[in-house]
C-alpha atoms as a PDB file:
ATOM      1  CA  MET A   1      15.222  20.785  -9.124  1.00  0.00           C
ATOM      2  CA  GLU A   2      13.342  21.805 -12.249  1.00  0.00           C
ATOM      3  CA  MET A   3      12.556  25.334 -11.037  1.00  0.00           C
ATOM      4  CA  LYS A   4      16.142  25.851  -9.883  1.00  0.00           C
ATOM      5  CA  MET A   5      17.341  25.026 -13.384  1.00  0.00           C
ATOM      6  CA  LEU A   6      14.805  27.342 -15.034  1.00  0.00           C
ATOM      7  CA  LEU A   7      15.758  30.178 -12.677  1.00  0.00           C
ATOM      8  CA  TRP A   8      19.431  29.616 -13.427  1.00  0.00           C
ATOM      9  CA  MET A   9      18.849  29.572 -17.211  1.00  0.00           C
ATOM     10  CA  ALA A  10      16.815  32.798 -17.040  1.00  0.00           C
ATOM     11  CA  GLY A  11      19.318  34.513 -14.761  1.00  0.00           C
ATOM     12  CA  ILE A  12      16.616  35.135 -12.162  1.00  0.00           C
ATOM     13  CA  THR A  13      17.059  34.943  -8.401  1.00  0.00           C
ATOM     14  CA  ARG A  14      14.421  34.489  -5.714  1.00  0.00           C
ATOM     15  CA  LEU A  15      15.040  38.107  -4.742  1.00  0.00           C
ATOM     16  CA  ASP A  16      13.475  39.132  -8.083  1.00  0.00           C
ATOM     17  CA  ARG A  17      10.186  37.724  -6.719  1.00  0.00           C
ATOM     18  CA  ILE A  18       8.864  36.361 -10.026  1.00  0.00           C
ATOM     19  CA  CYS A  19       6.165  33.663  -9.822  1.00  0.00           C
ATOM     20  CA  ASN A  20       7.064  30.114 -10.850  1.00  0.00           C
ATOM     21  CA  GLN A  21       4.104  30.105 -13.228  1.00  0.00           C
ATOM     22  CA  ASP A  22       5.490  33.132 -15.083  1.00  0.00           C
ATOM     23  CA  ILE A  23       8.895  31.494 -15.412  1.00  0.00           C
ATOM     24  CA  ARG A  24       7.350  28.245 -16.724  1.00  0.00           C
ATOM     25  CA  GLN A  25       5.335  30.227 -19.285  1.00  0.00           C
ATOM     26  CA  ARG A  26       8.472  32.038 -20.431  1.00  0.00           C
ATOM     27  CA  PHE A  27      10.120  28.700 -21.268  1.00  0.00           C
ATOM     28  CA  GLY A  28       6.941  26.901 -22.356  1.00  0.00           C
ATOM     29  CA  VAL A  29       7.297  24.211 -19.676  1.00  0.00           C
ATOM     30  CA  ALA A  30       4.219  22.411 -18.343  1.00  0.00           C
ATOM     31  CA  PRO A  31       3.788  22.036 -14.574  1.00  0.00           C
ATOM     32  CA  ILE A  32       4.894  18.687 -13.131  1.00  0.00           C
ATOM     33  CA  THR A  33       1.338  17.967 -11.955  1.00  0.00           C
ATOM     34  CA  ASP A  34       0.149  17.979 -15.567  1.00  0.00           C
ATOM     35  CA  LYS A  35       2.895  15.542 -16.542  1.00  0.00           C
ATOM     36  CA  LEU A  36       1.978  13.200 -13.677  1.00  0.00           C
ATOM     37  CA  ARG A  37      -1.697  13.327 -14.662  1.00  0.00           C
ATOM     38  CA  GLU A  38      -0.789  12.395 -18.251  1.00  0.00           C
ATOM     39  CA  ALA A  39       1.275   9.439 -17.031  1.00  0.00           C
ATOM     40  CA  ARG A  40      -1.578   8.159 -14.837  1.00  0.00           C
ATOM     41  CA  LEU A  41      -4.048   8.426 -17.712  1.00  0.00           C
ATOM     42  CA  ARG A  42      -1.644   6.610 -20.024  1.00  0.00           C
ATOM     43  CA  TRP A  43      -1.368   3.770 -17.465  1.00  0.00           C
ATOM     44  CA  TYR A  44      -5.153   3.753 -17.019  1.00  0.00           C
ATOM     45  CA  GLY A  45      -5.557   3.228 -20.766  1.00  0.00           C
ATOM     46  CA  HIS A  46      -3.394   0.090 -20.635  1.00  0.00           C
ATOM     47  CA  VAL A  47      -5.199  -1.571 -17.703  1.00  0.00           C
ATOM     48  CA  PRO A  48      -8.289  -2.790 -19.636  1.00  0.00           C
ATOM     49  CA  CYS A  49      -6.003  -4.488 -22.185  1.00  0.00           C
ATOM     50  CA  ALA A  50      -4.103  -6.443 -19.505  1.00  0.00           C
ATOM     51  CA  GLU A  51      -4.467 -10.170 -18.875  1.00  0.00           C
ATOM     52  CA  GLY A  52      -7.262 -11.203 -16.509  1.00  0.00           C
ATOM     53  CA  ASP A  53      -4.938 -12.340 -13.714  1.00  0.00           C
ATOM     54  CA  SER A  54      -2.638  -9.290 -13.618  1.00  0.00           C
ATOM     55  CA  VAL A  55      -2.483  -7.238 -10.423  1.00  0.00           C
ATOM     56  CA  GLY A  56      -3.537  -4.034 -12.184  1.00  0.00           C
ATOM     57  CA  LYS A  57      -6.578  -5.649 -13.782  1.00  0.00           C
ATOM     58  CA  ILE A  58      -7.649  -7.280 -10.497  1.00  0.00           C
ATOM     59  CA  GLY A  59      -7.338  -3.969  -8.627  1.00  0.00           C
ATOM     60  CA  PHE A  60      -9.180  -2.140 -11.393  1.00  0.00           C
ATOM     61  CA  ASN A  61     -12.158  -4.499 -11.197  1.00  0.00           C
ATOM     62  CA  LEU A  62     -12.153  -4.777  -7.397  1.00  0.00           C
ATOM     63  CA  GLY A  63     -15.453  -3.816  -5.780  1.00  0.00           C
ATOM     64  CA  VAL A  64     -15.533  -2.450  -2.246  1.00  0.00           C
ATOM     65  CA  THR A  65     -18.632  -3.032  -0.157  1.00  0.00           C
ATOM     66  CA  GLY A  66     -19.711  -1.330   3.028  1.00  0.00           C
ATOM     67  CA  LYS A  67     -18.667   1.970   4.521  1.00  0.00           C
ATOM     68  CA  ARG A  68     -15.400   3.197   5.939  1.00  0.00           C
ATOM     69  CA  PRO A  69     -15.134   3.019   9.718  1.00  0.00           C
ATOM     70  CA  LYS A  70     -15.171   6.327  11.532  1.00  0.00           C
END
Protein backbone atom coordinates (compact mmCIF):
# COMPACT_ATOMS: atom_id res chain seq x y z
CA MET A 1 0.00 0.00 0.00
CA GLU A 2 2.80 2.40 0.86
CA MET A 3 4.49 2.20 -2.55
CA LYS A 4 1.16 2.63 -4.34
CA MET A 5 0.60 5.86 -2.44
CA LEU A 6 4.11 7.15 -3.17
CA LEU A 7 3.71 6.34 -6.87
CA TRP A 8 0.36 8.12 -6.94
CA MET A 9 1.76 11.22 -5.18
CA ALA A 10 4.71 11.39 -7.59
CA GLY A 11 2.53 10.83 -10.65
CA ILE A 12 4.59 7.79 -11.64
CA THR A 13 3.23 4.59 -13.15
CA ARG A 14 4.83 1.14 -13.25
CA LEU A 15 5.33 1.68 -16.97
CA ASP A 16 7.90 4.38 -16.10
CA ARG A 17 10.05 1.56 -14.65
CA ILE A 18 11.53 3.56 -11.76
CA CYS A 19 12.96 1.55 -8.84
CA ASN A 20 11.12 1.62 -5.51
CA GLN A 21 14.35 2.65 -3.80
CA ASP A 22 14.61 5.75 -6.01
CA ILE A 23 11.02 6.72 -5.25
CA ARG A 24 11.57 6.28 -1.48
CA GLN A 25 14.70 8.45 -1.67
CA ARG A 26 12.78 11.15 -3.52
CA PHE A 27 10.29 11.39 -0.64
CA GLY A 28 12.78 10.64 2.15
CA VAL A 29 10.86 7.54 3.30
CA ALA A 30 12.69 4.70 5.06
CA PRO A 31 12.06 1.12 3.91
CA ILE A 32 9.52 -0.83 5.98
CA THR A 33 12.21 -3.36 6.96
CA ASP A 34 14.13 -0.61 8.75
CA LYS A 35 11.01 0.43 10.64
CA LEU A 36 10.33 -3.16 11.71
CA ARG A 37 13.92 -3.56 12.88
CA GLU A 38 13.61 -0.39 14.99
CA ALA A 39 10.40 -1.68 16.58
CA ARG A 40 12.01 -5.03 17.46
CA LEU A 41 15.01 -3.30 19.01
CA ARG A 42 12.73 -1.01 21.00
CA TRP A 43 10.87 -4.07 22.35
CA TYR A 44 14.18 -5.81 23.08
CA GLY A 45 15.23 -2.84 25.21
CA HIS A 46 12.13 -3.19 27.39
CA VAL A 47 12.47 -6.94 28.05
CA PRO A 48 15.29 -6.74 30.66
CA CYS A 49 13.21 -4.24 32.67
CA ALA A 50 10.16 -6.55 32.81
CA GLU A 51 9.01 -8.43 35.90
CA GLY A 52 10.61 -11.83 36.48
CA ASP A 53 7.45 -13.82 35.75
CA SER A 54 6.44 -12.11 32.49
CA VAL A 55 6.28 -14.19 29.32
CA GLY A 56 8.80 -11.99 27.50
CA LYS A 57 11.34 -12.19 30.31
CA ILE A 58 10.96 -15.98 30.62
CA GLY A 59 11.42 -16.44 26.86
CA PHE A 60 14.39 -14.08 26.85
CA ASN A 61 16.19 -16.07 29.54
CA LEU A 62 15.20 -19.49 28.20
CA GLY A 63 18.14 -21.77 27.46
CA VAL A 64 17.87 -24.46 24.80
CA THR A 65 19.98 -27.58 25.18
CA GLY A 66 20.81 -30.21 22.61
CA LYS A 67 20.70 -30.09 18.84
CA ARG A 68 17.85 -29.77 16.40
CA PRO A 69 16.66 -33.05 14.91
CA LYS A 70 17.45 -33.59 11.26
